[in-house]
N, C-alpha and C. Protein backbone atom coordinates (compact mmCIF):
# COMPACT_ATOMS: atom_id res chain seq x y z
N UNK A 1 -3.93 71.51 18.74
CA UNK A 1 -2.85 70.83 18.06
C UNK A 1 -1.72 70.60 19.03
N UNK A 2 -1.13 69.43 18.96
CA UNK A 2 -0.02 69.10 19.82
C UNK A 2 1.20 69.97 19.49
N UNK A 3 2.16 69.97 20.32
CA UNK A 3 3.37 70.73 20.11
C UNK A 3 4.33 69.87 19.30
N UNK A 4 4.00 69.65 18.04
CA UNK A 4 4.78 68.78 17.15
C UNK A 4 6.00 69.55 16.60
N UNK A 5 7.05 68.79 16.37
CA UNK A 5 8.23 69.38 15.75
C UNK A 5 7.97 69.47 14.26
N UNK A 6 8.42 70.57 13.68
CA UNK A 6 8.20 70.75 12.24
C UNK A 6 8.91 69.71 11.42
N UNK A 7 10.05 69.22 11.87
CA UNK A 7 10.78 68.17 11.13
C UNK A 7 9.93 66.89 11.09
N UNK A 8 9.22 66.59 12.18
CA UNK A 8 8.35 65.41 12.19
C UNK A 8 7.16 65.59 11.25
N UNK A 9 6.64 66.78 11.20
CA UNK A 9 5.53 67.08 10.29
C UNK A 9 5.97 66.90 8.84
N UNK A 10 7.18 67.40 8.50
CA UNK A 10 7.69 67.24 7.16
C UNK A 10 7.86 65.76 6.81
N UNK A 11 8.38 64.95 7.75
CA UNK A 11 8.53 63.54 7.50
C UNK A 11 7.18 62.88 7.21
N UNK A 12 6.19 63.24 7.99
CA UNK A 12 4.86 62.69 7.80
C UNK A 12 4.24 63.09 6.48
N UNK A 13 4.38 64.35 6.12
CA UNK A 13 3.85 64.83 4.85
C UNK A 13 4.54 64.11 3.68
N UNK A 14 5.84 63.95 3.76
CA UNK A 14 6.56 63.28 2.70
C UNK A 14 6.12 61.81 2.59
N UNK A 15 5.92 61.18 3.72
CA UNK A 15 5.43 59.78 3.73
C UNK A 15 4.07 59.72 3.05
N UNK A 16 3.21 60.62 3.39
CA UNK A 16 1.86 60.66 2.78
C UNK A 16 1.94 60.92 1.27
N UNK A 17 2.86 61.82 0.87
CA UNK A 17 3.03 62.14 -0.54
C UNK A 17 3.49 60.87 -1.31
N UNK A 18 4.47 60.18 -0.75
CA UNK A 18 4.93 58.97 -1.43
C UNK A 18 3.81 57.92 -1.52
N UNK A 19 3.04 57.77 -0.47
CA UNK A 19 1.92 56.82 -0.46
C UNK A 19 0.91 57.20 -1.57
N UNK A 20 0.59 58.50 -1.62
CA UNK A 20 -0.39 58.96 -2.63
C UNK A 20 0.09 58.73 -4.04
N UNK A 21 1.39 58.98 -4.24
CA UNK A 21 1.95 58.75 -5.60
C UNK A 21 1.89 57.29 -5.96
N UNK A 22 2.26 56.42 -5.00
CA UNK A 22 2.22 54.99 -5.26
C UNK A 22 0.84 54.49 -5.56
N UNK A 23 -0.19 55.03 -4.86
CA UNK A 23 -1.56 54.61 -5.09
C UNK A 23 -2.08 55.11 -6.41
N UNK A 24 -1.64 56.30 -6.86
CA UNK A 24 -2.15 56.92 -8.06
C UNK A 24 -1.58 56.34 -9.33
N UNK A 25 -0.30 55.99 -9.30
CA UNK A 25 0.39 55.56 -10.50
C UNK A 25 0.74 54.07 -10.39
N UNK A 26 0.70 53.38 -11.51
CA UNK A 26 1.03 51.94 -11.52
C UNK A 26 2.52 51.74 -11.13
N UNK A 27 2.76 50.56 -10.61
CA UNK A 27 4.12 50.20 -10.19
C UNK A 27 5.10 50.29 -11.37
N UNK A 28 6.26 50.87 -11.12
CA UNK A 28 7.31 50.95 -12.12
C UNK A 28 7.12 52.11 -13.09
N UNK A 29 6.12 52.96 -12.89
CA UNK A 29 5.93 54.11 -13.75
C UNK A 29 7.06 55.09 -13.57
N UNK A 30 7.66 55.51 -14.65
CA UNK A 30 8.82 56.42 -14.62
C UNK A 30 8.46 57.76 -13.96
N UNK A 31 7.30 58.29 -14.32
CA UNK A 31 6.86 59.55 -13.74
C UNK A 31 6.69 59.45 -12.24
N UNK A 32 6.10 58.35 -11.81
CA UNK A 32 5.93 58.13 -10.36
C UNK A 32 7.25 58.02 -9.66
N UNK A 33 8.18 57.27 -10.23
CA UNK A 33 9.49 57.14 -9.66
C UNK A 33 10.21 58.47 -9.51
N UNK A 34 10.07 59.32 -10.55
CA UNK A 34 10.68 60.64 -10.48
C UNK A 34 10.06 61.50 -9.37
N UNK A 35 8.75 61.44 -9.24
CA UNK A 35 8.08 62.21 -8.19
C UNK A 35 8.52 61.68 -6.79
N UNK A 36 8.59 60.40 -6.65
CA UNK A 36 8.99 59.83 -5.34
C UNK A 36 10.43 60.25 -5.03
N UNK A 37 11.28 60.26 -6.04
CA UNK A 37 12.65 60.67 -5.86
C UNK A 37 12.72 62.13 -5.43
N UNK A 38 11.90 62.98 -6.00
CA UNK A 38 11.87 64.40 -5.65
C UNK A 38 11.38 64.60 -4.20
N UNK A 39 10.38 63.83 -3.81
CA UNK A 39 9.86 63.91 -2.44
C UNK A 39 10.96 63.50 -1.46
N UNK A 40 11.67 62.41 -1.81
CA UNK A 40 12.77 61.95 -0.95
C UNK A 40 13.89 62.98 -0.83
N UNK A 41 14.20 63.63 -1.96
CA UNK A 41 15.24 64.66 -1.94
C UNK A 41 14.81 65.83 -1.08
N UNK A 42 13.58 66.23 -1.23
CA UNK A 42 13.04 67.30 -0.39
C UNK A 42 13.11 66.96 1.09
N UNK A 43 12.74 65.76 1.43
CA UNK A 43 12.77 65.31 2.82
C UNK A 43 14.23 65.28 3.30
N UNK A 44 15.12 64.71 2.49
CA UNK A 44 16.54 64.63 2.90
C UNK A 44 17.17 66.01 3.14
N UNK A 45 16.72 66.99 2.40
CA UNK A 45 17.26 68.33 2.58
C UNK A 45 16.63 69.09 3.73
N UNK A 46 15.31 68.98 3.85
CA UNK A 46 14.60 69.79 4.85
C UNK A 46 14.69 69.29 6.26
N UNK A 47 14.57 68.02 6.45
CA UNK A 47 14.50 67.47 7.82
C UNK A 47 15.76 67.81 8.64
N UNK A 48 16.97 67.63 8.13
CA UNK A 48 18.13 67.99 8.94
C UNK A 48 18.21 69.48 9.27
N UNK A 49 17.82 70.31 8.35
CA UNK A 49 17.82 71.77 8.60
C UNK A 49 16.83 72.11 9.69
N UNK A 50 15.65 71.55 9.59
CA UNK A 50 14.59 71.81 10.57
C UNK A 50 14.99 71.27 11.95
N UNK A 51 15.60 70.07 11.97
CA UNK A 51 16.02 69.48 13.20
C UNK A 51 17.10 70.37 13.89
N UNK A 52 18.00 70.91 13.11
CA UNK A 52 19.00 71.84 13.65
C UNK A 52 18.36 73.08 14.25
N UNK A 53 17.43 73.62 13.53
CA UNK A 53 16.69 74.83 14.01
C UNK A 53 15.93 74.52 15.26
N UNK A 54 15.31 73.35 15.32
CA UNK A 54 14.56 72.99 16.54
C UNK A 54 15.53 72.80 17.72
N UNK A 55 16.68 72.26 17.48
CA UNK A 55 17.65 72.06 18.55
C UNK A 55 18.13 73.41 19.10
N UNK A 56 18.30 74.40 18.23
CA UNK A 56 18.74 75.72 18.66
C UNK A 56 17.61 76.44 19.46
N UNK A 57 16.40 76.19 19.00
CA UNK A 57 15.27 76.86 19.65
C UNK A 57 14.99 76.30 21.05
N UNK A 58 15.40 75.09 21.29
CA UNK A 58 15.21 74.46 22.59
C UNK A 58 16.43 74.69 23.42
């Protein structure tokens, strides 16, 4: 495995989660929109924290 940054892994996982939600649920589905919003919130909170930790570690 490459020496990937955890923040980049989280971004990729969130992107994949959004893609999976969009493929599984029809466009405009309220449940899908809620799930996508939660994934975005998770990404918005985690990525900056992880990036800060990575900066300190380097």
